[in-house]
Protein backbone atom coordinates (compact mmCIF):
# COMPACT_ATOMS: atom_id res chain seq x y z
CA MET A 1 126.12 106.93 124.57
CA THR A 2 129.33 108.99 124.75
CA ALA A 3 130.52 111.49 122.15
CA SER A 4 133.25 109.08 121.01
CA ASP A 5 130.59 106.40 120.45
CA LEU A 6 128.73 108.73 118.11
CA HIS A 7 131.77 109.38 115.96
CA THR A 8 132.55 105.68 115.52
CA ARG A 9 129.00 104.67 114.62
CA ALA A 10 128.60 106.73 111.45
CA MET A 11 130.20 108.88 108.81
CA LEU A 12 128.99 111.60 106.46
CA VAL A 13 128.29 110.95 102.79
CA SER A 14 127.40 113.25 99.91
CA LEU A 15 126.03 112.15 96.55
CA ARG A 16 127.06 114.51 93.75
CA ILE A 17 125.33 114.16 90.38
CA SER A 18 125.43 116.76 87.63
CA ALA A 19 123.28 116.51 84.50
CA TRP A 20 122.24 118.46 81.42
CA SER A 21 118.75 119.92 81.73
CA ALA A 22 118.01 119.92 77.95
CA ARG A 23 116.23 123.25 78.41
CA LYS A 24 117.25 126.76 77.46
CA TYR A 25 115.80 130.18 78.15
CA ASP A 26 115.14 131.99 74.86
CA ARG A 27 115.12 135.72 75.43
CA LYS A 28 114.27 136.52 71.82
CA VAL A 29 111.14 134.36 71.79
CA SER A 30 110.17 135.64 75.24
CA GLN A 31 110.34 139.21 73.92
CA GLU A 32 108.34 138.32 70.81
CA THR A 33 105.66 136.69 72.98
CA ALA A 34 105.53 139.71 75.27
CA THR A 35 105.19 142.05 72.30
CA ALA A 36 102.42 139.93 70.76
CA HIS A 37 100.44 140.18 74.01
CA ASN A 38 101.23 143.84 74.63
CA THR A 39 103.15 143.21 77.85
CA THR A 40 106.76 143.24 79.09
CA ILE A 41 109.34 140.47 78.99
CA GLU A 42 109.17 140.27 82.79
CA ALA A 43 105.65 138.81 82.46
CA GLY A 44 106.97 135.40 81.45
CA ARG A 45 109.88 133.33 80.25
CA TYR A 46 110.00 130.98 77.28
CA ASN A 47 112.16 127.93 77.94
CA LYS A 48 112.87 125.74 74.94
CA CYS A 49 112.85 121.95 75.18
CA LEU A 50 116.07 121.14 73.35
CA LEU A 51 115.29 117.49 72.58
CA PRO A 52 112.30 115.88 70.88
CA GLY A 53 109.60 114.51 73.15
CA ASP A 54 110.40 110.88 72.30
CA ALA A 55 114.06 111.06 73.39
CA ALA A 56 113.90 107.68 75.13
CA SER A 57 117.57 107.35 76.10
CA TYR A 58 117.62 110.86 77.62
CA LYS A 59 114.43 110.17 79.57
CA ALA A 60 115.79 106.86 80.82
CA LEU A 61 118.98 108.52 82.04
CA THR A 62 117.11 111.39 83.70
CA SER A 63 114.70 109.00 85.39
CA TYR A 64 117.57 106.87 86.67
CA ILE A 65 119.32 109.89 88.16
CA ALA A 66 116.14 110.90 89.99
CA ASN A 67 115.78 107.36 91.33
CA LEU A 68 119.40 107.36 92.50
CA ARG A 69 118.69 110.35 94.72
CA VAL A 70 115.69 108.54 96.21
CA ILE A 71 117.79 105.45 96.94
CA HIS A 72 120.57 107.60 98.44
CA TYR A 73 118.09 109.18 100.84
CA SER A 74 116.55 105.83 101.73
CA GLN A 75 119.95 104.36 102.64
CA THR A 76 121.08 107.31 104.79
CA LEU A 77 119.77 109.55 107.55
CA ALA A 78 119.14 113.28 107.82
CA TRP A 79 122.14 115.41 108.74
CA SER A 80 122.32 118.90 107.23
CA ASP A 81 120.90 121.12 104.49
CA ASP A 82 124.14 121.31 102.50
CA GLY A 83 123.96 117.90 100.85
CA TRP A 84 125.62 115.76 103.50
CA ARG A 85 123.77 112.74 104.93
CA LEU A 86 124.60 110.44 107.83
CA LEU A 87 125.66 106.91 106.89
CA PRO A 88 125.73 104.42 109.78
CA VAL A 89 128.73 102.11 109.71
CA LYS A 90 126.32 99.15 109.79
CA ASN A 91 124.98 100.24 106.41
CA PHE A 92 128.34 101.10 104.80
CA GLN A 93 128.72 97.83 102.88
CA ALA A 94 125.17 97.87 101.54
CA TYR A 95 125.51 101.52 100.58
CA THR A 96 128.84 101.11 98.78
CA ASP A 97 127.51 98.05 96.95
CA MET A 98 124.59 100.19 95.79
CA VAL A 99 126.95 102.97 94.67
CA ARG A 100 129.16 100.58 92.71
CA ASN A 101 126.18 99.08 90.87
CA ALA A 102 124.69 102.51 90.33
CA GLN A 103 127.93 103.80 88.79
CA HIS A 104 127.92 101.00 86.21
CA GLU A 105 124.25 101.58 85.37
CA PHE A 106 124.75 105.36 85.21
CA ASN A 107 127.66 104.92 82.79
CA ARG A 108 125.66 102.50 80.64
CA ARG A 109 122.68 104.81 80.32
CA LEU A 110 124.91 107.80 79.68
CA ALA A 111 126.67 105.91 76.90
CA GLU A 112 123.32 105.10 75.27
CA PHE A 113 122.24 108.73 75.42
CA ALA A 114 125.60 109.98 74.11
CA ALA A 115 125.30 107.59 71.15
CA ASP A 116 121.80 108.92 70.38
CA TYR A 117 122.69 112.56 70.98
CA PRO A 118 123.76 113.54 67.41
CA GLN A 119 120.52 112.20 65.92
CA LEU A 120 118.42 113.69 68.72
CA ARG A 121 120.04 117.03 68.00
CA GLU A 122 119.13 116.77 64.32
CA ASP A 123 115.56 115.83 65.25
CA ALA A 124 115.41 118.87 67.51
CA ARG A 125 116.58 121.08 64.63
CA ALA A 126 113.46 120.10 62.69
CA LYS A 127 111.19 120.42 65.73
CA LEU A 128 112.40 123.83 66.88
CA ASN A 129 112.72 125.24 63.38
CA GLY A 130 113.55 128.94 63.73
CA MET A 131 114.17 128.61 67.45
CA TYR A 132 117.01 126.14 66.93
CA SER A 133 120.53 127.33 67.77
CA ASP A 134 123.75 125.34 67.67
CA ALA A 135 124.97 127.35 70.66
CA ASP A 136 122.34 125.68 72.87
CA TYR A 137 123.92 122.25 72.48
CA PRO A 138 127.09 121.05 74.24
CA THR A 139 129.72 119.66 71.90
CA ASP A 140 130.82 117.22 74.63
CA ILE A 141 127.56 115.93 76.08
CA ARG A 142 129.34 113.45 78.37
CA GLY A 143 131.13 116.37 80.01
CA LYS A 144 127.77 117.66 81.26
CA TYR A 145 127.32 114.58 83.44
CA ASP A 146 129.12 113.45 86.53
CA PHE A 147 128.51 110.93 89.31
CA SER A 148 130.54 110.85 92.50
CA VAL A 149 130.21 110.08 96.18
CA GLU A 150 132.24 111.76 98.92
CA TYR A 151 132.77 110.52 102.46
CA SER A 152 133.80 112.50 105.50
CA PRO A 153 134.15 111.81 109.24
CA VAL A 154 131.58 113.27 111.59
CA PRO A 155 132.98 116.55 112.98
CA ALA A 156 134.62 116.31 116.39
CA GLY A 157 135.48 119.13 118.74
CA THR A 158 138.91 117.61 119.31
CA ASP A 159 139.75 118.15 115.62
CA PHE A 160 139.62 121.92 116.03
CA ARG A 161 143.27 123.01 115.86
CA VAL A 162 144.04 126.74 115.80
CA THR A 163 146.12 129.11 117.82
CA LEU A 164 143.67 130.33 120.43
CA ALA A 165 143.53 130.46 124.17
CA ALA A 166 142.85 127.07 125.75
CA GLU A 167 139.50 128.16 127.14
CA GLU A 168 138.36 129.36 123.70
CA ILE A 169 139.30 126.04 122.09
CA GLU A 170 137.47 124.14 124.84
CA SER A 171 134.38 126.28 124.32
CA ILE A 172 134.39 125.74 120.55
CA ALA A 173 134.96 121.99 121.01
CA ALA A 174 132.08 121.76 123.47
CA ARG A 175 129.73 123.58 121.07
CA THR A 176 130.80 121.32 118.21
CA GLU A 177 130.12 118.20 120.24
CA GLN A 178 126.74 119.58 121.29
CA ARG A 179 125.75 120.22 117.66
CA VAL A 180 126.90 116.73 116.67
CA SER A 181 124.93 115.19 119.52
CA GLU A 182 121.79 117.08 118.51
CA ALA A 183 122.28 116.10 114.86
CA PHE A 184 122.53 112.43 115.84
CA LYS A 185 119.27 112.72 117.76
CA ASP A 186 117.64 114.25 114.67
CA ALA A 187 119.04 111.44 112.50
CA GLN A 188 117.62 108.79 114.82
CA GLY A 189 114.33 110.68 114.77
CA ASP A 190 114.42 110.52 110.98
CA ALA A 191 114.51 106.70 111.16
CA VAL A 192 111.60 106.65 113.60
CA LYS A 193 109.55 109.03 111.47
CA ARG A 194 110.07 106.90 108.36
CA LEU A 195 108.66 103.87 110.13
CA PHE A 196 105.70 105.86 111.40
CA GLU A 197 104.94 107.16 107.91
CA VAL A 198 105.04 103.75 106.22
CA VAL A 199 102.84 102.15 108.91
CA SER A 200 100.47 105.11 108.78
CA LYS A 201 100.02 104.67 105.03
CA MET A 202 99.32 100.96 105.51
CA GLN A 203 96.77 101.64 108.23
CA GLY A 204 95.11 104.40 106.24
CA LYS A 205 94.56 102.25 103.15
CA LEU A 206 93.80 98.92 104.78
CA SER A 207 91.30 100.34 107.28
CA GLN A 208 89.11 101.37 104.34
CA PRO A 209 87.60 98.16 102.91
CA GLU A 210 87.02 99.64 99.45
CA ALA A 211 90.24 101.65 99.16
CA ILE A 212 92.45 100.71 96.20
CA PHE A 213 96.17 100.30 96.92
CA ARG A 214 99.24 99.31 94.93
CA ASP A 215 101.61 96.48 95.78
CA SER A 216 104.18 99.17 96.64
CA LEU A 217 102.23 99.89 99.85
CA ILE A 218 103.51 96.58 101.24
CA GLU A 219 106.76 96.44 99.27
CA ASN A 220 107.85 99.83 100.63
CA ALA A 221 107.21 98.60 104.18
CA ARG A 222 109.33 95.51 103.53
CA GLU A 223 112.19 97.57 102.10
CA LEU A 224 112.13 100.02 104.99
CA CYS A 225 112.09 97.22 107.57
CA ASP A 226 115.18 95.77 105.89
CA VAL A 227 117.17 98.99 105.81
CA LEU A 228 116.15 99.95 109.36
CA THR A 229 118.15 96.99 110.64
CA ARG A 230 121.17 99.07 109.59
CA LEU A 231 119.87 102.61 110.14
CA ASN A 232 118.99 102.18 113.82
CA LEU A 233 121.93 104.35 114.75
CA THR A 234 121.68 104.05 118.53
CA ASP A 235 120.52 100.41 118.57
CA ASP A 236 117.27 101.60 120.11
CA PRO A 237 115.53 98.39 121.32
CA LYS A 238 112.09 100.02 121.21
CA LEU A 239 112.53 100.99 117.57
CA GLU A 240 113.75 97.47 116.78
CA THR A 241 110.66 95.98 118.41
CA LEU A 242 108.38 98.23 116.36
CA ARG A 243 110.36 97.42 113.23
CA ARG A 244 109.90 93.68 113.81
CA GLN A 245 106.18 94.13 114.38
CA THR A 246 105.92 96.05 111.11
CA GLU A 247 108.00 93.43 109.34
CA LEU A 248 105.51 90.76 110.41
CA LEU A 249 102.60 92.82 109.04
CA ALA A 250 104.45 93.35 105.75
CA GLN A 251 104.69 89.60 105.22
CA SER A 252 101.05 89.68 104.11
CA GLU A 253 100.76 89.43 100.34
CA PRO A 254 99.05 92.45 98.73
CA GLN A 255 96.59 90.32 96.77
CA LEU A 256 95.56 88.43 99.90
CA LEU A 257 94.81 91.75 101.57
CA ARG A 258 92.62 92.69 98.60
CA ASP A 259 90.81 89.36 98.48
CA ASN A 260 90.34 88.63 102.17
CA PRO A 261 88.48 91.35 104.13
CA ASP A 262 89.17 89.65 107.47
CA VAL A 263 92.95 89.56 106.95
CA ARG A 264 92.88 93.13 105.69
CA ALA A 265 90.97 94.33 108.75
CA SER A 266 93.28 92.41 111.09
CA VAL A 267 96.42 93.96 109.54
CA ALA A 268 94.84 97.42 109.75
CA ILE A 269 94.14 96.91 113.47
CA GLU A 270 97.69 95.73 114.11
CA ALA A 271 99.05 98.72 112.18
CA GLN A 272 96.97 101.03 114.36
CA SER A 273 98.41 99.36 117.47
CA ILE A 274 101.95 100.01 116.18
CA LEU A 275 101.12 103.66 115.53
CA GLU A 276 99.73 104.05 119.04
CA ALA A 277 102.81 102.40 120.52
CA MET A 278 105.07 104.72 118.53
CA ALA A 279 103.13 107.79 119.66
CA ALA A 280 103.34 106.62 123.29
CA THR A 281 107.07 106.00 122.99
CA TYR A 282 108.26 108.88 120.85
CA GLY A 283 105.47 111.45 121.10
CA ALA A 284 103.18 112.91 118.46
CA PHE A 285 104.20 112.93 114.79
CA ALA A 286 103.42 115.75 112.37
């Protein structure tokens, strides 16, 4: 695969979500606690929970945001440590559909929380008593939340335009292309590792006749097999073969695996065969 092939197969994507933590460090209470225990304020920090424990709309919004990050990671591949992920072109439509639906759901849950916020604040006043402070609460709670997605092309050495000697520009371009090539290899490795992990979990549970497992053990395998049809960045035929084999195993219904020891044992053996094939093809996994 040439460098130009790499740049046309994927793009970079960054999910940006900001949210209110509903917690606040209280220096005064921290000092009072330290004094009561004859120690210094450096010994501990007191962080106030600014909403009552039964703030359902806030919890629902917070939970949804956490789940959005999980979905974002599941639909993309590893790229860098600064928030950018690799999005294969084959998965662009599915990803943008997810983002569009997520934006609507995010706005709906935020609206519910914003409507509840004044009453939740009053409930917190009674709960916190002397620790309550108006200054801890944003007047515009919606302004504390944001949801956005940014896209960017994969860096290319040919995009480096500065006034330098030709040999310097060529050297920088070559290093850029090398880093991109290595990052693509890591991204493809991320897809392989995900498959290994989901099959390993299946094999680990199903090989133990008495082990209890949730339906998600099989459902997660099905979901991964679906998304891997679009995350196989280099169209690796070996990975596709292993994905199809896993997809066949994941067709087994969870309850059947619980009820039928023979089917359970057979699926566990097949899962072990897939793991061995992956290790032989891609090497050992951590």
